[in-house]
């Protein structure tokens, strides 16, 4: 009886299979640690992202920077060779991957 119910459920889903799409999730990460390192001067500035995921480091010297963005539960994203000129506003975004996936299994069935 259970087996036939499962088959009926699977057959009911088949017509919808063509309409299924992969899901991408985009969002903001509040409180991410952002480290901007001036490669020429070997100086680093640390800031945090706001609730909207934005961050700002004001009064940076012109130069070539490395931007490292990280947050607990996510991997670290590093963007190298960000060139910043005098009085320039540069936007550096990042894609943070989930650090580890938890795999669940049912035992005893």
PDB file of N, CA and C in Angstrom:
ATOM      1  N   UNK A   1       0.822  -1.195   0.000  1.00  0.00           N
ATOM      2  CA  UNK A   1       0.000   0.000   0.000  1.00  0.00           C
ATOM      3  C   UNK A   1       0.866   1.259   0.000  1.00  0.00           C
ATOM      4  N   UNK A   2       1.913   1.273   0.857  1.00  0.00           N
ATOM      5  CA  UNK A   2       2.796   2.448   0.916  1.00  0.00           C
ATOM      6  C   UNK A   2       3.547   2.611  -0.395  1.00  0.00           C
ATOM      7  N   UNK A   3       3.990   1.487  -0.970  1.00  0.00           N
ATOM      8  CA  UNK A   3       4.733   1.541  -2.222  1.00  0.00           C
ATOM      9  C   UNK A   3       3.868   2.121  -3.343  1.00  0.00           C
ATOM     10  N   UNK A   4       2.610   1.718  -3.422  1.00  0.00           N
ATOM     11  CA  UNK A   4       1.735   2.225  -4.486  1.00  0.00           C
ATOM     12  C   UNK A   4       1.436   3.715  -4.271  1.00  0.00           C
ATOM     13  N   UNK A   5       1.353   4.166  -3.019  1.00  0.00           N
ATOM     14  CA  UNK A   5       1.122   5.584  -2.743  1.00  0.00           C
ATOM     15  C   UNK A   5       2.320   6.410  -3.185  1.00  0.00           C
ATOM     16  N   UNK A   6       3.538   5.890  -2.975  1.00  0.00           N
ATOM     17  CA  UNK A   6       4.748   6.602  -3.414  1.00  0.00           C
ATOM     18  C   UNK A   6       4.801   6.705  -4.923  1.00  0.00           C
ATOM     19  N   UNK A   7       4.414   5.625  -5.609  1.00  0.00           N
ATOM     20  CA  UNK A   7       4.419   5.628  -7.075  1.00  0.00           C
ATOM     21  C   UNK A   7       3.423   6.644  -7.588  1.00  0.00           C
ATOM     22  N   UNK A   8       2.247   6.717  -6.967  1.00  0.00           N
ATOM     23  CA  UNK A   8       1.236   7.690  -7.373  1.00  0.00           C
ATOM     24  C   UNK A   8       1.763   9.111  -7.172  1.00  0.00           C
ATOM     25  N   UNK A   9       2.445   9.369  -6.046  1.00  0.00           N
ATOM     26  CA  UNK A   9       3.007  10.698  -5.791  1.00  0.00           C
ATOM     27  C   UNK A   9       4.057  11.059  -6.829  1.00  0.00           C
ATOM     28  N   UNK A  10       4.931  10.116  -7.169  1.00  0.00           N
ATOM     29  CA  UNK A  10       5.964  10.380  -8.171  1.00  0.00           C
ATOM     30  C   UNK A  10       5.354  10.629  -9.538  1.00  0.00           C
ATOM     31  N   UNK A  11       4.336   9.858  -9.897  1.00  0.00           N
ATOM     32  CA  UNK A  11       3.686  10.063 -11.184  1.00  0.00           C
ATOM     33  C   UNK A  11       2.973  11.407 -11.229  1.00  0.00           C
ATOM     34  N   UNK A  12       2.451  11.853 -10.109  1.00  0.00           N
ATOM     35  CA  UNK A  12       1.783  13.150 -10.052  1.00  0.00           C
ATOM     36  C   UNK A  12       2.776  14.291 -10.265  1.00  0.00           C
ATOM     37  N   UNK A  13       4.031  14.086  -9.889  1.00  0.00           N
ATOM     38  CA  UNK A  13       5.050  15.132 -10.042  1.00  0.00           C
ATOM     39  C   UNK A  13       5.654  15.182 -11.438  1.00  0.00           C
ATOM     40  N   UNK A  14       5.539  14.130 -12.207  1.00  0.00           N
ATOM     41  CA  UNK A  14       6.164  14.090 -13.530  1.00  0.00           C
ATOM     42  C   UNK A  14       5.723  15.222 -14.452  1.00  0.00           C
ATOM     43  N   UNK A  15       4.438  15.566 -14.560  1.00  0.00           N
ATOM     44  CA  UNK A  15       4.075  16.673 -15.448  1.00  0.00           C
ATOM     45  C   UNK A  15       4.733  17.994 -15.061  1.00  0.00           C
ATOM     46  N   UNK A  16       5.020  18.203 -13.803  1.00  0.00           N
ATOM     47  CA  UNK A  16       5.630  19.451 -13.354  1.00  0.00           C
ATOM     48  C   UNK A  16       7.145  19.454 -13.512  1.00  0.00           C
ATOM     49  N   UNK A  17       7.736  18.305 -13.820  1.00  0.00           N
ATOM     50  CA  UNK A  17       9.195  18.209 -13.882  1.00  0.00           C
ATOM     51  C   UNK A  17       9.788  19.145 -14.921  1.00  0.00           C
ATOM     52  N   UNK A  18       9.096  19.366 -16.030  1.00  0.00           N
ATOM     53  CA  UNK A  18       9.599  20.268 -17.057  1.00  0.00           C
ATOM     54  C   UNK A  18       9.611  21.721 -16.612  1.00  0.00           C
ATOM     55  N   UNK A  19       8.808  22.066 -15.616  1.00  0.00           N
ATOM     56  CA  UNK A  19       8.708  23.443 -15.170  1.00  0.00           C
ATOM     57  C   UNK A  19       9.651  23.764 -14.015  1.00  0.00           C
ATOM     58  N   UNK A  20      10.326  22.771 -13.480  1.00  0.00           N
ATOM     59  CA  UNK A  20      11.216  23.004 -12.350  1.00  0.00           C
ATOM     60  C   UNK A  20      12.484  23.718 -12.809  1.00  0.00           C
ATOM     61  N   UNK A  21      12.973  24.623 -11.990  1.00  0.00           N
ATOM     62  CA  UNK A  21      14.183  25.379 -12.309  1.00  0.00           C
ATOM     63  C   UNK A  21      15.121  25.344 -11.119  1.00  0.00           C
ATOM     64  N   UNK A  22      16.384  25.507 -11.384  1.00  0.00           N
ATOM     65  CA  UNK A  22      17.363  25.607 -10.299  1.00  0.00           C
ATOM     66  C   UNK A  22      17.154  26.929  -9.584  1.00  0.00           C
ATOM     67  N   UNK A  23      17.453  26.949  -8.310  1.00  0.00           N
ATOM     68  CA  UNK A  23      17.254  28.158  -7.522  1.00  0.00           C
ATOM     69  C   UNK A  23      18.593  28.790  -7.165  1.00  0.00           C
ATOM     70  N   UNK A  24      18.696  30.067  -7.375  1.00  0.00           N
ATOM     71  CA  UNK A  24      19.864  30.831  -6.950  1.00  0.00           C
ATOM     72  C   UNK A  24      19.422  31.756  -5.831  1.00  0.00           C
ATOM     73  N   UNK A  25      20.245  31.879  -4.832  1.00  0.00           N
ATOM     74  CA  UNK A  25      19.890  32.720  -3.702  1.00  0.00           C
ATOM     75  C   UNK A  25      20.893  33.872  -3.606  1.00  0.00           C
ATOM     76  N   UNK A  26      20.369  35.061  -3.617  1.00  0.00           N
ATOM     77  CA  UNK A  26      21.193  36.246  -3.463  1.00  0.00           C
ATOM     78  C   UNK A  26      20.728  36.983  -2.227  1.00  0.00           C
ATOM     79  N   UNK A  27      21.618  37.630  -1.541  1.00  0.00           N
ATOM     80  CA  UNK A  27      21.212  38.374  -0.364  1.00  0.00           C
ATOM     81  C   UNK A  27      22.372  39.147   0.210  1.00  0.00           C
ATOM     82  N   UNK A  28      22.096  39.789   1.298  1.00  0.00           N
ATOM     83  CA  UNK A  28      23.098  40.587   1.971  1.00  0.00           C
ATOM     84  C   UNK A  28      23.574  39.860   3.216  1.00  0.00           C
ATOM     85  N   UNK A  29      24.818  40.085   3.573  1.00  0.00           N
ATOM     86  CA  UNK A  29      25.364  39.488   4.789  1.00  0.00           C
ATOM     87  C   UNK A  29      25.746  40.623   5.728  1.00  0.00           C
ATOM     88  N   UNK A  30      24.984  40.737   6.779  1.00  0.00           N
ATOM     89  CA  UNK A  30      25.210  41.773   7.772  1.00  0.00           C
ATOM     90  C   UNK A  30      26.352  41.372   8.702  1.00  0.00           C
ATOM     91  N   UNK A  31      27.193  42.321   9.028  1.00  0.00           N
ATOM     92  CA  UNK A  31      28.274  42.064   9.976  1.00  0.00           C
ATOM     93  C   UNK A  31      29.450  41.296   9.420  1.00  0.00           C
ATOM     94  N   UNK A  32      29.586  41.242   8.091  1.00  0.00           N
ATOM     95  CA  UNK A  32      30.742  40.563   7.498  1.00  0.00           C
ATOM     96  C   UNK A  32      32.004  41.371   7.780  1.00  0.00           C
ATOM     97  N   UNK A  33      33.081  40.682   8.060  1.00  0.00           N
ATOM     98  CA  UNK A  33      34.372  41.340   8.298  1.00  0.00           C
ATOM     99  C   UNK A  33      35.045  41.600   6.958  1.00  0.00           C
ATOM    100  N   UNK A  34      35.390  42.847   6.717  1.00  0.00           N
ATOM    101  CA  UNK A  34      36.036  43.245   5.464  1.00  0.00           C
ATOM    102  C   UNK A  34      37.418  43.782   5.807  1.00  0.00           C
ATOM    103  N   UNK A  35      38.438  43.197   5.190  1.00  0.00           N
ATOM    104  CA  UNK A  35      39.808  43.652   5.398  1.00  0.00           C
ATOM    105  C   UNK A  35      40.361  44.139   4.064  1.00  0.00           C
ATOM    106  N   UNK A  36      40.748  45.403   4.023  1.00  0.00           N
ATOM    107  CA  UNK A  36      41.326  46.005   2.821  1.00  0.00           C
ATOM    108  C   UNK A  36      42.804  46.229   3.079  1.00  0.00           C
ATOM    109  N   UNK A  37      43.641  45.536   2.324  1.00  0.00           N
ATOM    110  CA  UNK A  37      45.087  45.596   2.521  1.00  0.00           C
ATOM    111  C   UNK A  37      45.733  46.336   1.360  1.00  0.00           C
ATOM    112  N   UNK A  38      46.469  47.401   1.678  1.00  0.00           N
ATOM    113  CA  UNK A  38      47.228  48.144   0.681  1.00  0.00           C
ATOM    114  C   UNK A  38      48.508  47.362   0.433  1.00  0.00           C
ATOM    115  N   UNK A  39      48.633  46.790  -0.749  1.00  0.00           N
ATOM    116  CA  UNK A  39      49.786  45.931  -1.050  1.00  0.00           C
ATOM    117  C   UNK A  39      51.105  46.692  -1.047  1.00  0.00           C
ATOM    118  N   UNK A  40      51.111  47.934  -1.488  1.00  0.00           N
ATOM    119  CA  UNK A  40      52.347  48.703  -1.549  1.00  0.00           C
ATOM    120  C   UNK A  40      52.837  49.147  -0.183  1.00  0.00           C
ATOM    121  N   UNK A  41      51.932  49.479   0.719  1.00  0.00           N
ATOM    122  CA  UNK A  41      52.317  49.979   2.035  1.00  0.00           C
ATOM    123  C   UNK A  41      52.210  48.899   3.102  1.00  0.00           C
ATOM    124  N   UNK A  42      51.674  47.754   2.744  1.00  0.00           N
ATOM    125  CA  UNK A  42      51.479  46.641   3.682  1.00  0.00           C
ATOM    126  C   UNK A  42      50.700  47.090   4.917  1.00  0.00           C
ATOM    127  N   UNK A  43      49.650  47.886   4.673  1.00  0.00           N
ATOM    128  CA  UNK A  43      48.761  48.350   5.734  1.00  0.00           C
ATOM    129  C   UNK A  43      47.372  47.784   5.481  1.00  0.00           C
ATOM    130  N   UNK A  44      46.644  47.499   6.562  1.00  0.00           N
ATOM    131  CA  UNK A  44      45.302  46.936   6.431  1.00  0.00           C
ATOM    132  C   UNK A  44      44.299  47.778   7.182  1.00  0.00           C
ATOM    133  N   UNK A  45      43.115  47.888   6.619  1.00  0.00           N
ATOM    134  CA  UNK A  45      41.992  48.574   7.268  1.00  0.00           C
ATOM    135  C   UNK A  45      40.868  47.561   7.392  1.00  0.00           C
ATOM    136  N   UNK A  46      40.276  47.469   8.580  1.00  0.00           N
ATOM    137  CA  UNK A  46      39.180  46.528   8.819  1.00  0.00           C
ATOM    138  C   UNK A  46      37.891  47.291   9.091  1.00  0.00           C
ATOM    139  N   UNK A  47      36.832  46.868   8.406  1.00  0.00           N
ATOM    140  CA  UNK A  47      35.498  47.432   8.598  1.00  0.00           C
ATOM    141  C   UNK A  47      34.496  46.286   8.584  1.00  0.00           C
ATOM    142  N   UNK A  48      33.243  46.589   8.933  1.00  0.00           N
ATOM    143  CA  UNK A  48      32.188  45.576   8.893  1.00  0.00           C
ATOM    144  C   UNK A  48      31.065  46.046   7.993  1.00  0.00           C
ATOM    145  N   UNK A  49      30.370  45.079   7.397  1.00  0.00           N
ATOM    146  CA  UNK A  49      29.232  45.428   6.555  1.00  0.00           C
ATOM    147  C   UNK A  49      28.028  45.776   7.424  1.00  0.00           C
ATOM    148  N   UNK A  50      27.189  46.677   6.903  1.00  0.00           N
ATOM    149  CA  UNK A  50      25.991  47.100   7.621  1.00  0.00           C
ATOM    150  C   UNK A  50      24.854  46.102   7.371  1.00  0.00           C
ATOM    151  N   UNK A  51      23.663  46.330   7.917  1.00  0.00           N
ATOM    152  CA  UNK A  51      22.561  45.380   7.718  1.00  0.00           C
ATOM    153  C   UNK A  51      22.181  45.151   6.255  1.00  0.00           C
ATOM    154  N   UNK A  52      22.491  46.100   5.383  1.00  0.00           N
ATOM    155  CA  UNK A  52      22.200  45.932   3.955  1.00  0.00           C
ATOM    156  C   UNK A  52      23.341  45.248   3.208  1.00  0.00           C
ATOM    157  N   UNK A  53      24.428  44.908   3.923  1.00  0.00           N
ATOM    158  CA  UNK A  53      25.564  44.249   3.289  1.00  0.00           C
ATOM    159  C   UNK A  53      26.583  45.200   2.697  1.00  0.00           C
ATOM    160  N   UNK A  54      26.401  46.500   2.887  1.00  0.00           N
ATOM    161  CA  UNK A  54      27.337  47.497   2.362  1.00  0.00           C
ATOM    162  C   UNK A  54      28.429  47.796   3.384  1.00  0.00           C
ATOM    163  N   UNK A  55      29.546  48.272   2.893  1.00  0.00           N
ATOM    164  CA  UNK A  55      30.634  48.680   3.780  1.00  0.00           C
ATOM    165  C   UNK A  55      31.357  49.859   3.150  1.00  0.00           C
ATOM    166  N   UNK A  56      32.033  50.624   3.984  1.00  0.00           N
ATOM    167  CA  UNK A  56      32.788  51.775   3.493  1.00  0.00           C
ATOM    168  C   UNK A  56      34.057  51.931   4.309  1.00  0.00           C
ATOM    169  N   UNK A  57      35.136  52.211   3.608  1.00  0.00           N
ATOM    170  CA  UNK A  57      36.415  52.525   4.245  1.00  0.00           C
ATOM    171  C   UNK A  57      36.839  53.870   3.662  1.00  0.00           C
ATOM    172  N   UNK A  58      36.754  54.896   4.453  1.00  0.00           N
ATOM    173  CA  UNK A  58      37.025  56.250   3.948  1.00  0.00           C
ATOM    174  C   UNK A  58      38.487  56.625   4.156  1.00  0.00           C
ATOM    175  N   UNK A  59      38.927  57.565   3.344  1.00  0.00           N
ATOM    176  CA  UNK A  59      40.278  58.126   3.421  1.00  0.00           C
ATOM    177  C   UNK A  59      41.375  57.086   3.226  1.00  0.00           C
ATOM    178  N   UNK A  60      41.183  56.195   2.293  1.00  0.00           N
ATOM    179  CA  UNK A  60      42.246  55.243   1.962  1.00  0.00           C
ATOM    180  C   UNK A  60      43.247  55.915   1.030  1.00  0.00           C
ATOM    181  N   UNK A  61      44.493  55.562   1.168  1.00  0.00           N
ATOM    182  CA  UNK A  61      45.522  56.056   0.257  1.00  0.00           C
ATOM    183  C   UNK A  61      45.348  55.402  -1.112  1.00  0.00           C
ATOM    184  N   UNK A  62      45.742  56.126  -2.161  1.00  0.00           N
ATOM    185  CA  UNK A  62      45.709  55.536  -3.496  1.00  0.00           C
ATOM    186  C   UNK A  62      46.692  54.371  -3.540  1.00  0.00           C
ATOM    187  N   UNK A  63      46.348  53.348  -4.299  1.00  0.00           N
ATOM    188  CA  UNK A  63      47.238  52.197  -4.412  1.00  0.00           C
ATOM    189  C   UNK A  63      46.512  50.947  -4.863  1.00  0.00           C
ATOM    190  N   UNK A  64      47.200  49.848  -4.774  1.00  0.00           N
ATOM    191  CA  UNK A  64      46.662  48.548  -5.178  1.00  0.00           C
ATOM    192  C   UNK A  64      46.289  47.791  -3.896  1.00  0.00           C
ATOM    193  N   UNK A  65      45.038  47.343  -3.834  1.00  0.00           N
ATOM    194  CA  UNK A  65      44.514  46.724  -2.619  1.00  0.00           C
ATOM    195  C   UNK A  65      44.068  45.284  -2.851  1.00  0.00           C
ATOM    196  N   UNK A  66      43.984  44.577  -1.754  1.00  0.00           N
ATOM    197  CA  UNK A  66      43.366  43.257  -1.717  1.00  0.00           C
ATOM    198  C   UNK A  66      42.183  43.371  -0.756  1.00  0.00           C
ATOM    199  N   UNK A  67      41.005  42.914  -1.191  1.00  0.00           N
ATOM    200  CA  UNK A  67      39.811  42.958  -0.350  1.00  0.00           C
ATOM    201  C   UNK A  67      39.453  41.539   0.060  1.00  0.00           C
ATOM    202  N   UNK A  68      39.404  41.292   1.363  1.00  0.00           N
ATOM    203  CA  UNK A  68      39.026  39.978   1.898  1.00  0.00           C
ATOM    204  C   UNK A  68      37.746  40.155   2.704  1.00  0.00           C
ATOM    205  N   UNK A  69      36.738  39.356   2.368  1.00  0.00           N
ATOM    206  CA  UNK A  69      35.442  39.450   3.033  1.00  0.00           C
ATOM    207  C   UNK A  69      35.094  38.082   3.595  1.00  0.00           C
ATOM    208  N   UNK A  70      34.719  38.050   4.889  1.00  0.00           N
ATOM    209  CA  UNK A  70      34.388  36.776   5.516  1.00  0.00           C
ATOM    210  C   UNK A  70      33.352  36.971   6.612  1.00  0.00           C
ATOM    211  N   UNK A  71      32.648  35.895   6.907  1.00  0.00           N
ATOM    212  CA  UNK A  71      31.657  35.891   7.967  1.00  0.00           C
ATOM    213  C   UNK A  71      31.496  34.459   8.450  1.00  0.00           C
ATOM    214  N   UNK A  72      31.120  34.298   9.704  1.00  0.00           N
ATOM    215  CA  UNK A  72      30.988  32.939  10.240  1.00  0.00           C
ATOM    216  C   UNK A  72      29.916  32.179   9.457  1.00  0.00           C
ATOM    217  N   UNK A  73      30.203  30.927   9.179  1.00  0.00           N
ATOM    218  CA  UNK A  73      29.296  30.088   8.411  1.00  0.00           C
ATOM    219  C   UNK A  73      29.538  30.157   6.917  1.00  0.00           C
ATOM    220  N   UNK A  74      30.434  31.040   6.488  1.00  0.00           N
ATOM    221  CA  UNK A  74      30.740  31.205   5.071  1.00  0.00           C
ATOM    222  C   UNK A  74      32.238  31.110   4.855  1.00  0.00           C
ATOM    223  N   UNK A  75      32.627  30.800   3.639  1.00  0.00           N
ATOM    224  CA  UNK A  75      34.037  30.800   3.284  1.00  0.00           C
ATOM    225  C   UNK A  75      34.513  32.230   3.072  1.00  0.00           C
ATOM    226  N   UNK A  76      35.793  32.396   2.955  1.00  0.00           N
ATOM    227  CA  UNK A  76      36.408  33.711   2.761  1.00  0.00           C
ATOM    228  C   UNK A  76      36.499  34.001   1.265  1.00  0.00           C
ATOM    229  N   UNK A  77      36.117  35.220   0.880  1.00  0.00           N
ATOM    230  CA  UNK A  77      36.226  35.651  -0.512  1.00  0.00           C
ATOM    231  C   UNK A  77      37.311  36.716  -0.596  1.00  0.00           C
ATOM    232  N   UNK A  78      38.238  36.547  -1.530  1.00  0.00           N
ATOM    233  CA  UNK A  78      39.351  37.491  -1.683  1.00  0.00           C
ATOM    234  C   UNK A  78      39.363  38.023  -3.109  1.00  0.00           C
ATOM    235  N   UNK A  79      39.417  39.349  -3.232  1.00  0.00           N
ATOM    236  CA  UNK A  79      39.562  40.003  -4.532  1.00  0.00           C
ATOM    237  C   UNK A  79      40.897  40.714  -4.523  1.00  0.00           C
ATOM    238  N   UNK A  80      41.766  40.347  -5.462  1.00  0.00           N
ATOM    239  CA  UNK A  80      43.113  40.929  -5.523  1.00  0.00           C
ATOM    240  C   UNK A  80      43.186  42.004  -6.603  1.00  0.00           C
ATOM    241  N   UNK A  81      44.201  42.818  -6.499  1.00  0.00           N
ATOM    242  CA  UNK A  81      44.506  43.846  -7.497  1.00  0.00           C
ATOM    243  C   UNK A  81      43.366  44.833  -7.725  1.00  0.00           C
ATOM    244  N   UNK A  82      42.808  45.349  -6.649  1.00  0.00           N
ATOM    245  CA  UNK A  82      41.827  46.426  -6.741  1.00  0.00           C
ATOM    246  C   UNK A  82      42.617  47.724  -6.742  1.00  0.00           C
ATOM    247  N   UNK A  83      42.601  48.432  -7.865  1.00  0.00           N
ATOM    248  CA  UNK A  83      43.381  49.663  -7.990  1.00  0.00           C
ATOM    249  C   UNK A  83      42.495  50.837  -7.589  1.00  0.00           C
ATOM    250  N   UNK A  84      42.977  51.603  -6.619  1.00  0.00           N
ATOM    251  CA  UNK A  84      42.237  52.751  -6.111  1.00  0.00           C
ATOM    252  C   UNK A  84      43.047  54.014  -6.376  1.00  0.00           C
ATOM    253  N   UNK A  85      42.458  54.950  -7.129  1.00  0.00           N
ATOM    254  CA  UNK A  85      43.103  56.237  -7.407  1.00  0.00           C
ATOM    255  C   UNK A  85      42.675  57.245  -6.347  1.00  0.00           C
ATOM    256  N   UNK A  86      43.329  58.388  -6.357  1.00  0.00           N
ATOM    257  CA  UNK A  86      42.986  59.451  -5.404  1.00  0.00           C
ATOM    258  C   UNK A  86      41.546  59.897  -5.605  1.00  0.00           C
ATOM    259  N   UNK A  87      40.823  60.064  -4.499  1.00  0.00           N
ATOM    260  CA  UNK A  87      39.429  60.525  -4.475  1.00  0.00           C
ATOM    261  C   UNK A  87      38.487  59.638  -5.273  1.00  0.00           C
ATOM    262  N   UNK A  88      38.808  58.402  -5.412  1.00  0.00           N
ATOM    263  CA  UNK A  88      37.972  57.469  -6.164  1.00  0.00           C
ATOM    264  C   UNK A  88      37.114  56.639  -5.210  1.00  0.00           C
ATOM    265  N   UNK A  89      35.924  56.331  -5.668  1.00  0.00           N
ATOM    266  CA  UNK A  89      35.047  55.412  -4.941  1.00  0.00           C
ATOM    267  C   UNK A  89      35.010  54.125  -5.743  1.00  0.00           C
ATOM    268  N   UNK A  90      35.430  53.052  -5.137  1.00  0.00           N
ATOM    269  CA  UNK A  90      35.451  51.757  -5.812  1.00  0.00           C
ATOM    270  C   UNK A  90      34.471  50.824  -5.113  1.00  0.00           C
ATOM    271  N   UNK A  91      33.794  50.012  -5.887  1.00  0.00           N
ATOM    272  CA  UNK A  91      32.859  49.033  -5.333  1.00  0.00           C
ATOM    273  C   UNK A  91      33.417  47.642  -5.574  1.00  0.00           C
ATOM    274  N   UNK A  92      33.586  46.898  -4.484  1.00  0.00           N
ATOM    275  CA  UNK A  92      34.089  45.531  -4.570  1.00  0.00           C
ATOM    276  C   UNK A  92      33.056  44.629  -3.904  1.00  0.00           C
ATOM    277  N   UNK A  93      32.399  43.816  -4.697  1.00  0.00           N
ATOM    278  CA  UNK A  93      31.431  42.861  -4.173  1.00  0.00           C
ATOM    279  C   UNK A  93      32.078  41.495  -4.069  1.00  0.00           C
ATOM    280  N   UNK A  94      31.382  40.578  -3.446  1.00  0.00           N
ATOM    281  CA  UNK A  94      31.936  39.238  -3.281  1.00  0.00           C
ATOM    282  C   UNK A  94      30.819  38.212  -3.240  1.00  0.00           C
ATOM    283  N   UNK A  95      31.172  37.020  -3.597  1.00  0.00           N
ATOM    284  CA  UNK A  95      30.253  35.891  -3.494  1.00  0.00           C
ATOM    285  C   UNK A  95      30.799  34.967  -2.415  1.00  0.00           C
ATOM    286  N   UNK A  96      30.062  34.865  -1.314  1.00  0.00           N
ATOM    287  CA  UNK A  96      30.489  34.014  -0.209  1.00  0.00           C
ATOM    288  C   UNK A  96      29.775  32.676  -0.299  1.00  0.00           C
ATOM    289  N   UNK A  97      30.543  31.627  -0.277  1.00  0.00           N
ATOM    290  CA  UNK A  97      29.990  30.272  -0.319  1.00  0.00           C
ATOM    291  C   UNK A  97      29.735  29.782   1.098  1.00  0.00           C
ATOM    292  N   UNK A  98      28.724  28.953   1.256  1.00  0.00           N
ATOM    293  CA  UNK A  98      28.467  28.351   2.560  1.00  0.00           C
ATOM    294  C   UNK A  98      29.665  27.473   2.906  1.00  0.00           C
ATOM    295  N   UNK A  99      30.153  27.594   4.145  1.00  0.00           N
ATOM    296  CA  UNK A  99      31.386  26.925   4.546  1.00  0.00           C
ATOM    297  C   UNK A  99      31.274  25.402   4.527  1.00  0.00           C
ATOM    298  N   UNK A 100      30.202  24.858   5.053  1.00  0.00           N
ATOM    299  CA  UNK A 100      30.050  23.410   5.091  1.00  0.00           C
ATOM    300  C   UNK A 100      28.575  23.066   5.030  1.00  0.00           C
ATOM    301  N   UNK A 101      28.273  22.046   4.287  1.00  0.00           N
ATOM    302  CA  UNK A 101      26.901  21.572   4.213  1.00  0.00           C
ATOM    303  C   UNK A 101      26.725  20.403   5.172  1.00  0.00           C
ATOM    304  N   UNK A 102      25.600  20.366   5.823  1.00  0.00           N
ATOM    305  CA  UNK A 102      25.308  19.278   6.746  1.00  0.00           C
ATOM    306  C   UNK A 102      24.514  18.238   5.987  1.00  0.00           C
ATOM    307  N   UNK A 103      24.968  17.020   6.055  1.00  0.00           N
ATOM    308  CA  UNK A 103      24.310  15.941   5.347  1.00  0.00           C
ATOM    309  C   UNK A 103      23.469  15.142   6.343  1.00  0.00           C
ATOM    310  N   UNK A 104      22.201  14.985   6.048  1.00  0.00           N
ATOM    311  CA  UNK A 104      21.290  14.263   6.929  1.00  0.00           C
ATOM    312  C   UNK A 104      20.951  12.923   6.299  1.00  0.00           C
ATOM    313  N   UNK A 105      20.759  11.937   7.121  1.00  0.00           N
ATOM    314  CA  UNK A 105      20.329  10.631   6.628  1.00  0.00           C
ATOM    315  C   UNK A 105      19.404  10.003   7.631  1.00  0.00           C
ATOM    316  N   UNK A 106      18.515   9.178   7.130  1.00  0.00           N
ATOM    317  CA  UNK A 106      17.619   8.428   8.001  1.00  0.00           C
ATOM    318  C   UNK A 106      18.184   7.036   8.168  1.00  0.00           C
ATOM    319  N   UNK A 107      18.316   6.626   9.394  1.00  0.00           N
ATOM    320  CA  UNK A 107      18.850   5.288   9.671  1.00  0.00           C
ATOM    321  C   UNK A 107      17.734   4.395  10.175  1.00  0.00           C
ATOM    322  N   UNK A 108      17.888   3.136   9.909  1.00  0.00           N
ATOM    323  CA  UNK A 108      16.939   2.162  10.417  1.00  0.00           C
ATOM    324  C   UNK A 108      15.707   2.003   9.553  1.00  0.00           C
ATOM    325  N   UNK A 109      15.718   2.604   8.361  1.00  0.00           N
ATOM    326  CA  UNK A 109      14.560   2.425   7.483  1.00  0.00           C
ATOM    327  C   UNK A 109      14.973   1.759   6.202  1.00  0.00           C
TER     328      UNK A 109
END
